[in-house]
Amino acid sequence: MNLTFWAALPQVQKQLQQLQDDLLKTVDLPNQPVHISILKLLQSGGKFLRPGVFYLFSSLGSTLMRLGYSLVPVLKNCCT
């Protein structure tokens, strides 16, 4: 994973590193060629963009709540 891409967002970077560590520990396949391929895929650069964006925007809700904003009116207006 390219953690330097997320260097400006250390919390997201930390969450992505934890995710990668958990995935690497979880992968345990009896078929060694497939097992090795999946490990290489998880460790290759350019992955984890979608989870990174998820972590980034999931923190947005708590930030807005701390500032006293609510997403309910926004969601109510856009989805009706």
C-alpha atoms as a PDB file:
ATOM      1  CA  MET A   1       0.000   0.000   0.000  1.00  0.00           C
ATOM      2  CA  ASN A   2       1.214   3.485  -0.779  1.00  0.00           C
ATOM      3  CA  LEU A   3       1.017   5.126   2.641  1.00  0.00           C
ATOM      4  CA  THR A   4       2.794   8.274   1.448  1.00  0.00           C
ATOM      5  CA  PHE A   5      -0.370   9.146  -0.498  1.00  0.00           C
ATOM      6  CA  TRP A   6      -2.195   9.391   2.846  1.00  0.00           C
ATOM      7  CA  ALA A   7       0.637  11.151   4.743  1.00  0.00           C
ATOM      8  CA  ALA A   8      -1.346  14.405   4.992  1.00  0.00           C
ATOM      9  CA  LEU A   9      -4.130  12.486   6.765  1.00  0.00           C
ATOM     10  CA  PRO A  10      -2.363  10.536   9.527  1.00  0.00           C
ATOM     11  CA  GLN A  11      -5.573   9.158  11.061  1.00  0.00           C
ATOM     12  CA  VAL A  12      -6.682   7.683   7.731  1.00  0.00           C
ATOM     13  CA  GLN A  13      -3.153   6.418   7.144  1.00  0.00           C
ATOM     14  CA  LYS A  14      -3.194   4.653  10.519  1.00  0.00           C
ATOM     15  CA  GLN A  15      -6.615   3.090   9.862  1.00  0.00           C
ATOM     16  CA  LEU A  16      -5.486   1.843   6.441  1.00  0.00           C
ATOM     17  CA  GLN A  17      -2.344   0.314   7.903  1.00  0.00           C
ATOM     18  CA  GLN A  18      -4.468  -1.488  10.505  1.00  0.00           C
ATOM     19  CA  LEU A  19      -6.816  -2.704   7.767  1.00  0.00           C
ATOM     20  CA  GLN A  20      -3.929  -4.025   5.701  1.00  0.00           C
ATOM     21  CA  ASP A  21      -2.416  -5.758   8.749  1.00  0.00           C
ATOM     22  CA  ASP A  22      -5.759  -7.377   9.572  1.00  0.00           C
ATOM     23  CA  LEU A  23      -6.276  -8.549   5.991  1.00  0.00           C
ATOM     24  CA  LEU A  24      -2.774 -10.000   5.795  1.00  0.00           C
ATOM     25  CA  LYS A  25      -3.333 -11.905   9.050  1.00  0.00           C
ATOM     26  CA  THR A  26      -6.713 -13.178   7.841  1.00  0.00           C
ATOM     27  CA  VAL A  27      -5.535 -14.593   4.517  1.00  0.00           C
ATOM     28  CA  ASP A  28      -4.842 -18.262   5.078  1.00  0.00           C
ATOM     29  CA  LEU A  29      -5.464 -20.465   2.065  1.00  0.00           C
ATOM     30  CA  PRO A  30      -4.371 -24.065   1.563  1.00  0.00           C
ATOM     31  CA  ASN A  31      -3.691 -23.384  -2.115  1.00  0.00           C
ATOM     32  CA  GLN A  32      -0.235 -21.780  -1.907  1.00  0.00           C
ATOM     33  CA  PRO A  33      -0.133 -20.173  -5.385  1.00  0.00           C
ATOM     34  CA  VAL A  34      -3.459 -18.430  -4.722  1.00  0.00           C
ATOM     35  CA  HIS A  35      -2.389 -17.551  -1.184  1.00  0.00           C
ATOM     36  CA  ILE A  36       0.836 -15.923  -2.427  1.00  0.00           C
ATOM     37  CA  SER A  37      -1.008 -14.064  -5.186  1.00  0.00           C
ATOM     38  CA  ILE A  38      -3.500 -12.591  -2.728  1.00  0.00           C
ATOM     39  CA  LEU A  39      -0.718 -11.529  -0.361  1.00  0.00           C
ATOM     40  CA  LYS A  40       1.115  -9.824  -3.226  1.00  0.00           C
ATOM     41  CA  LEU A  41      -2.092  -8.086  -4.291  1.00  0.00           C
ATOM     42  CA  LEU A  42      -2.711  -6.790  -0.763  1.00  0.00           C
ATOM     43  CA  GLN A  43       0.849  -5.479  -0.517  1.00  0.00           C
ATOM     44  CA  SER A  44       1.047  -3.893  -3.952  1.00  0.00           C
ATOM     45  CA  GLY A  45       0.845  -0.145  -4.381  1.00  0.00           C
ATOM     46  CA  GLY A  46      -2.271   1.644  -5.511  1.00  0.00           C
ATOM     47  CA  LYS A  47      -4.689  -0.327  -3.400  1.00  0.00           C
ATOM     48  CA  PHE A  48      -6.920   0.869  -0.574  1.00  0.00           C
ATOM     49  CA  LEU A  49      -8.145   4.032  -2.278  1.00  0.00           C
ATOM     50  CA  ARG A  50     -11.807   3.142  -1.677  1.00  0.00           C
ATOM     51  CA  PRO A  51     -11.286   2.256   2.020  1.00  0.00           C
ATOM     52  CA  GLY A  52      -9.246   5.442   2.439  1.00  0.00           C
ATOM     53  CA  VAL A  53     -12.039   7.576   1.035  1.00  0.00           C
ATOM     54  CA  PHE A  54     -14.504   5.711   3.258  1.00  0.00           C
ATOM     55  CA  TYR A  55     -12.426   6.429   6.376  1.00  0.00           C
ATOM     56  CA  LEU A  56     -12.003  10.049   5.303  1.00  0.00           C
ATOM     57  CA  PHE A  57     -15.715  10.702   4.850  1.00  0.00           C
ATOM     58  CA  SER A  58     -16.786   8.597   7.832  1.00  0.00           C
ATOM     59  CA  SER A  59     -14.947  11.070  10.064  1.00  0.00           C
ATOM     60  CA  LEU A  60     -16.801  13.966   8.449  1.00  0.00           C
ATOM     61  CA  GLY A  61     -20.039  13.200  10.310  1.00  0.00           C
ATOM     62  CA  SER A  62     -18.408  13.344  13.742  1.00  0.00           C
ATOM     63  CA  THR A  63     -16.572  16.550  12.805  1.00  0.00           C
ATOM     64  CA  LEU A  64     -19.802  18.234  11.736  1.00  0.00           C
ATOM     65  CA  MET A  65     -21.548  17.101  14.914  1.00  0.00           C
ATOM     66  CA  ARG A  66     -18.747  18.569  17.036  1.00  0.00           C
ATOM     67  CA  LEU A  67     -19.195  21.861  15.172  1.00  0.00           C
ATOM     68  CA  GLY A  68     -22.936  21.774  15.807  1.00  0.00           C
ATOM     69  CA  TYR A  69     -24.053  20.863  12.299  1.00  0.00           C
ATOM     70  CA  SER A  70     -26.434  18.096  11.389  1.00  0.00           C
ATOM     71  CA  LEU A  71     -26.607  16.171   8.124  1.00  0.00           C
ATOM     72  CA  VAL A  72     -30.278  15.338   8.641  1.00  0.00           C
ATOM     73  CA  PRO A  73     -31.674  18.473   6.905  1.00  0.00           C
ATOM     74  CA  VAL A  74     -29.276  18.010   4.006  1.00  0.00           C
ATOM     75  CA  LEU A  75     -30.205  14.368   3.546  1.00  0.00           C
ATOM     76  CA  LYS A  76     -33.896  15.124   4.033  1.00  0.00           C
ATOM     77  CA  ASN A  77     -33.864  17.769   1.283  1.00  0.00           C
ATOM     78  CA  CYS A  78     -31.834  15.776  -1.205  1.00  0.00           C
ATOM     79  CA  CYS A  79     -33.684  12.487  -0.825  1.00  0.00           C
ATOM     80  CA  THR A  80     -37.336  13.583  -0.889  1.00  0.00           C
END
